[in-house]
């Protein structure tokens, strides 16, 4: 029965990816992500700040903010698949604001390939939770869909029990300091013993300052999690980096 199930999954995956005839980001001809989008938005030639995930020069390990001690402190590493701009930004906004969560499955394979090339193996994945009021409004949590895509591709368990217990205002125009204040007390772990001693990827769609990942990581550290890594679809650029 197990062999049959694995065979069925393999066939289903093959059928899904066969249907994807165009680049998921720009719609042009090519693989799941075309060479133009890889060059223009994923920037494999650049590094990622280990502290907050921003795209930086490859020879560096941390951005200027993180070098100055202004970055997240509860995460062992953060990485982002690409730069939050152009067609990658449009793809993410289409998923979130035009209610197309299943589009995330289109980029599941290249995204997870990036993840395992950048981050250590872990015990499971935690999606950044959404407050119940926001979830009722949107109808889905894009971070949870992204975690499901990772589970689909890599077989990593999705670890549940982290909750967003306080609604927060939009963080788009806030500084990192104000974002952290805005998120104070926003998250809680329902059963800390379930997380004790584990290693985890925290998954979200976009990171800018790393404040949201940091807030989730803080409550997980308090629950005894040993290693925490942030994984996002997109991040910003180092402020002095020009493309």
C-alpha atoms as a PDB file:
ATOM      1  CA  UNK A   1       0.000   0.000   0.000  1.00  0.00           C
ATOM      2  CA  UNK A   2       2.839   2.388   0.890  1.00  0.00           C
ATOM      3  CA  UNK A   3       4.552   1.768  -2.473  1.00  0.00           C
ATOM      4  CA  UNK A   4       1.268   2.450  -4.242  1.00  0.00           C
ATOM      5  CA  UNK A   5       0.801   5.713  -2.323  1.00  0.00           C
ATOM      6  CA  UNK A   6       4.299   6.959  -3.143  1.00  0.00           C
ATOM      7  CA  UNK A   7       3.740   6.017  -6.776  1.00  0.00           C
ATOM      8  CA  UNK A   8       0.488   7.964  -6.848  1.00  0.00           C
ATOM      9  CA  UNK A   9       2.182  11.020  -5.360  1.00  0.00           C
ATOM     10  CA  UNK A  10       4.942  10.807  -7.975  1.00  0.00           C
ATOM     11  CA  UNK A  11       2.418  10.634 -10.807  1.00  0.00           C
ATOM     12  CA  UNK A  12       0.398  13.528  -9.363  1.00  0.00           C
ATOM     13  CA  UNK A  13       3.502  15.688  -9.117  1.00  0.00           C
ATOM     14  CA  UNK A  14       4.479  14.868 -12.673  1.00  0.00           C
ATOM     15  CA  UNK A  15       1.024  15.835 -13.937  1.00  0.00           C
ATOM     16  CA  UNK A  16       1.063  19.095 -11.966  1.00  0.00           C
ATOM     17  CA  UNK A  17       4.416  20.257 -13.238  1.00  0.00           C
ATOM     18  CA  UNK A  18       3.655  19.149 -16.783  1.00  0.00           C
ATOM     19  CA  UNK A  19       0.728  21.574 -16.771  1.00  0.00           C
ATOM     20  CA  UNK A  20       2.992  24.536 -15.959  1.00  0.00           C
ATOM     21  CA  UNK A  21       3.969  25.722 -19.435  1.00  0.00           C
ATOM     22  CA  UNK A  22       5.137  29.233 -18.596  1.00  0.00           C
ATOM     23  CA  UNK A  23       7.223  31.067 -16.023  1.00  0.00           C
ATOM     24  CA  UNK A  24       5.207  31.390 -12.814  1.00  0.00           C
ATOM     25  CA  UNK A  25       6.434  34.937 -12.261  1.00  0.00           C
ATOM     26  CA  UNK A  26       6.286  36.694 -15.629  1.00  0.00           C
ATOM     27  CA  UNK A  27       4.247  34.260 -17.731  1.00  0.00           C
ATOM     28  CA  UNK A  28       6.971  34.006 -20.365  1.00  0.00           C
ATOM     29  CA  UNK A  29       8.261  30.853 -21.954  1.00  0.00           C
ATOM     30  CA  UNK A  30      10.654  28.749 -19.941  1.00  0.00           C
ATOM     31  CA  UNK A  31      10.819  26.530 -16.912  1.00  0.00           C
ATOM     32  CA  UNK A  32       8.937  27.083 -13.658  1.00  0.00           C
ATOM     33  CA  UNK A  33      10.943  30.295 -13.339  1.00  0.00           C
ATOM     34  CA  UNK A  34      12.494  31.629 -16.540  1.00  0.00           C
ATOM     35  CA  UNK A  35      16.159  32.709 -16.827  1.00  0.00           C
ATOM     36  CA  UNK A  36      15.150  36.373 -17.075  1.00  0.00           C
ATOM     37  CA  UNK A  37      13.297  36.249 -13.747  1.00  0.00           C
ATOM     38  CA  UNK A  38      16.079  34.247 -12.115  1.00  0.00           C
ATOM     39  CA  UNK A  39      18.536  36.969 -13.116  1.00  0.00           C
ATOM     40  CA  UNK A  40      16.207  39.904 -12.466  1.00  0.00           C
ATOM     41  CA  UNK A  41      14.548  38.894  -9.175  1.00  0.00           C
ATOM     42  CA  UNK A  42      16.183  35.816  -7.612  1.00  0.00           C
ATOM     43  CA  UNK A  43      19.742  37.115  -7.985  1.00  0.00           C
ATOM     44  CA  UNK A  44      21.702  33.909  -7.301  1.00  0.00           C
ATOM     45  CA  UNK A  45      24.895  35.976  -7.647  1.00  0.00           C
ATOM     46  CA  UNK A  46      24.079  37.851  -4.420  1.00  0.00           C
ATOM     47  CA  UNK A  47      24.306  36.717  -0.822  1.00  0.00           C
ATOM     48  CA  UNK A  48      21.636  36.921   1.867  1.00  0.00           C
ATOM     49  CA  UNK A  49      22.177  38.609   5.213  1.00  0.00           C
ATOM     50  CA  UNK A  50      22.251  35.827   7.805  1.00  0.00           C
ATOM     51  CA  UNK A  51      20.594  38.139  10.301  1.00  0.00           C
ATOM     52  CA  UNK A  52      17.545  39.449   8.431  1.00  0.00           C
ATOM     53  CA  UNK A  53      17.563  37.914   4.936  1.00  0.00           C
ATOM     54  CA  UNK A  54      18.180  41.085   2.889  1.00  0.00           C
ATOM     55  CA  UNK A  55      20.040  40.617  -0.388  1.00  0.00           C
ATOM     56  CA  UNK A  56      23.671  41.692   0.008  1.00  0.00           C
ATOM     57  CA  UNK A  57      27.012  41.325  -1.748  1.00  0.00           C
ATOM     58  CA  UNK A  58      28.091  37.693  -1.788  1.00  0.00           C
ATOM     59  CA  UNK A  59      31.356  38.370   0.029  1.00  0.00           C
ATOM     60  CA  UNK A  60      29.437  39.685   3.063  1.00  0.00           C
ATOM     61  CA  UNK A  61      27.488  37.666   5.654  1.00  0.00           C
ATOM     62  CA  UNK A  62      25.474  40.478   7.279  1.00  0.00           C
ATOM     63  CA  UNK A  63      23.924  43.752   6.186  1.00  0.00           C
ATOM     64  CA  UNK A  64      24.923  47.074   7.726  1.00  0.00           C
ATOM     65  CA  UNK A  65      21.938  47.097  10.102  1.00  0.00           C
ATOM     66  CA  UNK A  66      22.668  43.610  11.428  1.00  0.00           C
ATOM     67  CA  UNK A  67      26.380  44.419  11.751  1.00  0.00           C
ATOM     68  CA  UNK A  68      25.339  47.387  13.899  1.00  0.00           C
ATOM     69  CA  UNK A  69      23.253  45.118  16.132  1.00  0.00           C
ATOM     70  CA  UNK A  70      19.897  46.305  14.800  1.00  0.00           C
ATOM     71  CA  UNK A  71      18.794  42.980  13.314  1.00  0.00           C
ATOM     72  CA  UNK A  72      16.965  39.944  14.765  1.00  0.00           C
ATOM     73  CA  UNK A  73      18.575  38.241  17.750  1.00  0.00           C
ATOM     74  CA  UNK A  74      16.547  35.048  18.176  1.00  0.00           C
ATOM     75  CA  UNK A  75      17.179  33.562  14.727  1.00  0.00           C
ATOM     76  CA  UNK A  76      20.215  31.496  13.756  1.00  0.00           C
ATOM     77  CA  UNK A  77      19.871  32.449  10.095  1.00  0.00           C
ATOM     78  CA  UNK A  78      17.398  33.995   7.662  1.00  0.00           C
ATOM     79  CA  UNK A  79      17.297  33.525   3.911  1.00  0.00           C
ATOM     80  CA  UNK A  80      15.023  34.838   1.175  1.00  0.00           C
ATOM     81  CA  UNK A  81      14.523  33.313  -2.260  1.00  0.00           C
ATOM     82  CA  UNK A  82      14.601  36.632  -4.102  1.00  0.00           C
ATOM     83  CA  UNK A  83      14.197  40.404  -4.144  1.00  0.00           C
ATOM     84  CA  UNK A  84      10.752  41.813  -3.406  1.00  0.00           C
ATOM     85  CA  UNK A  85      10.413  43.684  -6.678  1.00  0.00           C
ATOM     86  CA  UNK A  86       8.943  43.449 -10.168  1.00  0.00           C
ATOM     87  CA  UNK A  87       7.268  40.200 -11.149  1.00  0.00           C
ATOM     88  CA  UNK A  88       8.189  38.407  -7.920  1.00  0.00           C
ATOM     89  CA  UNK A  89       6.438  41.146  -5.966  1.00  0.00           C
ATOM     90  CA  UNK A  90       3.516  40.975  -8.377  1.00  0.00           C
ATOM     91  CA  UNK A  91       3.306  37.204  -7.922  1.00  0.00           C
ATOM     92  CA  UNK A  92       3.211  37.504  -4.124  1.00  0.00           C
ATOM     93  CA  UNK A  93       0.618  40.279  -4.213  1.00  0.00           C
ATOM     94  CA  UNK A  94      -1.516  38.260  -6.622  1.00  0.00           C
ATOM     95  CA  UNK A  95      -1.432  35.352  -4.169  1.00  0.00           C
ATOM     96  CA  UNK A  96      -2.297  37.505  -1.140  1.00  0.00           C
ATOM     97  CA  UNK A  97      -4.591  40.240  -2.345  1.00  0.00           C
ATOM     98  CA  UNK A  98      -6.291  38.630  -5.327  1.00  0.00           C
ATOM     99  CA  UNK A  99      -6.932  35.336  -3.523  1.00  0.00           C
ATOM    100  CA  UNK A 100      -4.819  32.909  -5.541  1.00  0.00           C
ATOM    101  CA  UNK A 101      -3.065  30.885  -2.793  1.00  0.00           C
ATOM    102  CA  UNK A 102      -2.667  27.763  -4.933  1.00  0.00           C
ATOM    103  CA  UNK A 103      -0.322  29.694  -7.217  1.00  0.00           C
ATOM    104  CA  UNK A 104       2.325  29.078  -4.560  1.00  0.00           C
ATOM    105  CA  UNK A 105       2.426  25.454  -5.715  1.00  0.00           C
ATOM    106  CA  UNK A 106       3.769  26.693  -9.050  1.00  0.00           C
ATOM    107  CA  UNK A 107       7.019  27.776  -7.427  1.00  0.00           C
ATOM    108  CA  UNK A 108       7.190  25.051  -4.751  1.00  0.00           C
ATOM    109  CA  UNK A 109       9.972  23.073  -6.417  1.00  0.00           C
ATOM    110  CA  UNK A 110      12.466  25.889  -7.148  1.00  0.00           C
ATOM    111  CA  UNK A 111      11.701  27.557  -3.812  1.00  0.00           C
ATOM    112  CA  UNK A 112      12.326  24.409  -1.771  1.00  0.00           C
ATOM    113  CA  UNK A 113      15.444  23.650  -3.801  1.00  0.00           C
ATOM    114  CA  UNK A 114      16.732  27.067  -2.752  1.00  0.00           C
ATOM    115  CA  UNK A 115      15.781  26.417   0.861  1.00  0.00           C
ATOM    116  CA  UNK A 116      17.678  23.150   1.204  1.00  0.00           C
ATOM    117  CA  UNK A 117      20.728  24.696  -0.466  1.00  0.00           C
ATOM    118  CA  UNK A 118      20.798  27.526   2.093  1.00  0.00           C
ATOM    119  CA  UNK A 119      19.523  26.167   5.410  1.00  0.00           C
ATOM    120  CA  UNK A 120      20.314  23.173   7.623  1.00  0.00           C
ATOM    121  CA  UNK A 121      17.884  20.267   7.885  1.00  0.00           C
ATOM    122  CA  UNK A 122      15.287  20.715  10.627  1.00  0.00           C
ATOM    123  CA  UNK A 123      12.584  18.834  12.511  1.00  0.00           C
ATOM    124  CA  UNK A 124       9.706  20.800  11.052  1.00  0.00           C
ATOM    125  CA  UNK A 125       8.193  23.983   9.674  1.00  0.00           C
ATOM    126  CA  UNK A 126       6.226  26.717  11.459  1.00  0.00           C
ATOM    127  CA  UNK A 127       4.133  29.129   9.388  1.00  0.00           C
ATOM    128  CA  UNK A 128       3.924  32.694  10.713  1.00  0.00           C
ATOM    129  CA  UNK A 129       0.374  32.649  12.075  1.00  0.00           C
ATOM    130  CA  UNK A 130      -2.360  35.092  11.134  1.00  0.00           C
ATOM    131  CA  UNK A 131      -4.817  36.536  13.658  1.00  0.00           C
ATOM    132  CA  UNK A 132      -8.297  35.025  13.471  1.00  0.00           C
ATOM    133  CA  UNK A 133      -9.864  38.331  12.410  1.00  0.00           C
ATOM    134  CA  UNK A 134      -7.430  38.765   9.510  1.00  0.00           C
ATOM    135  CA  UNK A 135      -7.813  35.104   8.534  1.00  0.00           C
ATOM    136  CA  UNK A 136     -11.593  35.494   8.408  1.00  0.00           C
ATOM    137  CA  UNK A 137     -11.174  38.545   6.194  1.00  0.00           C
ATOM    138  CA  UNK A 138      -8.686  37.021   3.746  1.00  0.00           C
ATOM    139  CA  UNK A 139      -9.826  33.409   3.888  1.00  0.00           C
ATOM    140  CA  UNK A 140      -6.356  31.879   3.965  1.00  0.00           C
ATOM    141  CA  UNK A 141      -2.893  32.386   5.420  1.00  0.00           C
ATOM    142  CA  UNK A 142      -0.312  32.530   2.646  1.00  0.00           C
ATOM    143  CA  UNK A 143       2.428  31.452   5.066  1.00  0.00           C
ATOM    144  CA  UNK A 144       0.479  28.273   5.844  1.00  0.00           C
ATOM    145  CA  UNK A 145       0.059  27.544   2.134  1.00  0.00           C
ATOM    146  CA  UNK A 146       3.797  28.058   1.672  1.00  0.00           C
ATOM    147  CA  UNK A 147       4.481  25.677   4.575  1.00  0.00           C
ATOM    148  CA  UNK A 148       2.203  23.132   2.894  1.00  0.00           C
ATOM    149  CA  UNK A 149       4.200  23.459  -0.324  1.00  0.00           C
ATOM    150  CA  UNK A 150       7.399  22.768   1.628  1.00  0.00           C
ATOM    151  CA  UNK A 151       5.748  19.754   3.266  1.00  0.00           C
ATOM    152  CA  UNK A 152       4.637  18.542  -0.156  1.00  0.00           C
ATOM    153  CA  UNK A 153       8.118  18.796  -1.652  1.00  0.00           C
ATOM    154  CA  UNK A 154      10.362  17.856   1.271  1.00  0.00           C
ATOM    155  CA  UNK A 155       8.137  15.881   3.602  1.00  0.00           C
ATOM    156  CA  UNK A 156       8.944  18.165   6.548  1.00  0.00           C
ATOM    157  CA  UNK A 157       6.245  18.096   9.242  1.00  0.00           C
ATOM    158  CA  UNK A 158       4.195  21.244   9.775  1.00  0.00           C
ATOM    159  CA  UNK A 159       4.401  22.050  13.478  1.00  0.00           C
ATOM    160  CA  UNK A 160       1.263  23.675  14.840  1.00  0.00           C
ATOM    161  CA  UNK A 161       0.713  25.451  18.124  1.00  0.00           C
ATOM    162  CA  UNK A 162       2.032  28.964  17.517  1.00  0.00           C
ATOM    163  CA  UNK A 163      -0.827  31.473  17.586  1.00  0.00           C
ATOM    164  CA  UNK A 164      -1.259  35.149  16.830  1.00  0.00           C
ATOM    165  CA  UNK A 165      -3.203  36.256  19.880  1.00  0.00           C
ATOM    166  CA  UNK A 166      -3.196  40.007  19.257  1.00  0.00           C
ATOM    167  CA  UNK A 167      -4.311  41.774  16.071  1.00  0.00           C
ATOM    168  CA  UNK A 168      -1.729  44.237  14.792  1.00  0.00           C
ATOM    169  CA  UNK A 169      -1.891  47.192  12.449  1.00  0.00           C
ATOM    170  CA  UNK A 170      -0.117  47.195   9.090  1.00  0.00           C
ATOM    171  CA  UNK A 171       3.659  47.334   9.390  1.00  0.00           C
ATOM    172  CA  UNK A 172       4.382  48.646   5.894  1.00  0.00           C
ATOM    173  CA  UNK A 173       5.274  52.203   6.928  1.00  0.00           C
ATOM    174  CA  UNK A 174       6.781  51.414  10.345  1.00  0.00           C
ATOM    175  CA  UNK A 175      10.455  51.438  11.330  1.00  0.00           C
ATOM    176  CA  UNK A 176      11.996  48.260  12.726  1.00  0.00           C
ATOM    177  CA  UNK A 177      11.726  49.659  16.265  1.00  0.00           C
ATOM    178  CA  UNK A 178       8.045  50.474  15.760  1.00  0.00           C
ATOM    179  CA  UNK A 179       7.418  47.096  14.133  1.00  0.00           C
ATOM    180  CA  UNK A 180       8.858  45.301  17.146  1.00  0.00           C
ATOM    181  CA  UNK A 181       6.720  47.431  19.464  1.00  0.00           C
ATOM    182  CA  UNK A 182       3.672  46.731  17.276  1.00  0.00           C
ATOM    183  CA  UNK A 183       4.318  42.978  17.566  1.00  0.00           C
ATOM    184  CA  UNK A 184       4.958  42.935  21.311  1.00  0.00           C
ATOM    185  CA  UNK A 185       2.871  40.154  22.817  1.00  0.00           C
ATOM    186  CA  UNK A 186       1.320  39.297  19.446  1.00  0.00           C
ATOM    187  CA  UNK A 187       2.356  35.629  19.423  1.00  0.00           C
ATOM    188  CA  UNK A 188       2.108  32.741  21.886  1.00  0.00           C
ATOM    189  CA  UNK A 189       2.926  29.024  21.926  1.00  0.00           C
ATOM    190  CA  UNK A 190       0.003  26.834  22.957  1.00  0.00           C
ATOM    191  CA  UNK A 191       2.005  23.782  24.140  1.00  0.00           C
ATOM    192  CA  UNK A 192       5.675  24.684  24.701  1.00  0.00           C
ATOM    193  CA  UNK A 193       6.690  21.090  25.481  1.00  0.00           C
ATOM    194  CA  UNK A 194       5.741  20.147  21.918  1.00  0.00           C
ATOM    195  CA  UNK A 195       8.558  22.385  20.638  1.00  0.00           C
ATOM    196  CA  UNK A 196      11.270  21.805  23.249  1.00  0.00           C
ATOM    197  CA  UNK A 197      14.574  20.634  21.782  1.00  0.00           C
ATOM    198  CA  UNK A 198      13.462  20.926  18.154  1.00  0.00           C
ATOM    199  CA  UNK A 199      14.944  22.741  15.186  1.00  0.00           C
ATOM    200  CA  UNK A 200      12.579  24.779  13.006  1.00  0.00           C
ATOM    201  CA  UNK A 201      12.159  26.765   9.818  1.00  0.00           C
ATOM    202  CA  UNK A 202       9.825  29.735  10.324  1.00  0.00           C
ATOM    203  CA  UNK A 203       8.132  30.433   6.989  1.00  0.00           C
ATOM    204  CA  UNK A 204       6.632  33.690   5.712  1.00  0.00           C
ATOM    205  CA  UNK A 205       6.097  35.312   2.332  1.00  0.00           C
ATOM    206  CA  UNK A 206       8.089  38.546   2.741  1.00  0.00           C
ATOM    207  CA  UNK A 207      10.627  39.893   5.221  1.00  0.00           C
ATOM    208  CA  UNK A 208      11.840  43.475   5.342  1.00  0.00           C
ATOM    209  CA  UNK A 209      13.356  44.179   8.756  1.00  0.00           C
ATOM    210  CA  UNK A 210      12.913  40.651  10.117  1.00  0.00           C
ATOM    211  CA  UNK A 211      10.675  41.934  12.936  1.00  0.00           C
ATOM    212  CA  UNK A 212       7.852  39.429  12.383  1.00  0.00           C
ATOM    213  CA  UNK A 213      10.206  36.465  12.167  1.00  0.00           C
ATOM    214  CA  UNK A 214      11.942  37.782  15.278  1.00  0.00           C
ATOM    215  CA  UNK A 215       8.695  38.019  17.251  1.00  0.00           C
ATOM    216  CA  UNK A 216       7.759  34.431  16.391  1.00  0.00           C
ATOM    217  CA  UNK A 217      11.300  33.216  17.087  1.00  0.00           C
ATOM    218  CA  UNK A 218      11.270  34.852  20.522  1.00  0.00           C
ATOM    219  CA  UNK A 219       8.283  32.839  21.756  1.00  0.00           C
ATOM    220  CA  UNK A 220       9.728  29.668  20.234  1.00  0.00           C
ATOM    221  CA  UNK A 221      13.046  30.230  22.036  1.00  0.00           C
ATOM    222  CA  UNK A 222      11.061  30.621  25.219  1.00  0.00           C
ATOM    223  CA  UNK A 223       9.536  27.207  24.510  1.00  0.00           C
ATOM    224  CA  UNK A 224      12.920  25.523  24.311  1.00  0.00           C
ATOM    225  CA  UNK A 225      13.468  25.421  20.548  1.00  0.00           C
ATOM    226  CA  UNK A 226      17.191  24.875  19.938  1.00  0.00           C
ATOM    227  CA  UNK A 227      17.678  26.156  16.383  1.00  0.00           C
ATOM    228  CA  UNK A 228      15.504  28.585  14.410  1.00  0.00           C
ATOM    229  CA  UNK A 229      15.874  29.600  10.773  1.00  0.00           C
ATOM    230  CA  UNK A 230      13.755  32.088   8.839  1.00  0.00           C
ATOM    231  CA  UNK A 231      12.698  31.300   5.262  1.00  0.00           C
ATOM    232  CA  UNK A 232      10.828  33.741   3.008  1.00  0.00           C
ATOM    233  CA  UNK A 233       9.936  34.144  -0.627  1.00  0.00           C
ATOM    234  CA  UNK A 234      11.312  37.684  -0.853  1.00  0.00           C
ATOM    235  CA  UNK A 235      13.239  40.365   0.991  1.00  0.00           C
ATOM    236  CA  UNK A 236      14.545  43.860   0.395  1.00  0.00           C
ATOM    237  CA  UNK A 237      18.003  44.934  -0.746  1.00  0.00           C
ATOM    238  CA  UNK A 238      20.879  46.207   1.350  1.00  0.00           C
ATOM    239  CA  UNK A 239      20.310  49.975   1.334  1.00  0.00           C
ATOM    240  CA  UNK A 240      23.593  50.812  -0.390  1.00  0.00           C
ATOM    241  CA  UNK A 241      23.288  48.037  -2.986  1.00  0.00           C
ATOM    242  CA  UNK A 242      22.318  49.115  -6.506  1.00  0.00           C
ATOM    243  CA  UNK A 243      21.214  46.631  -9.177  1.00  0.00           C
END
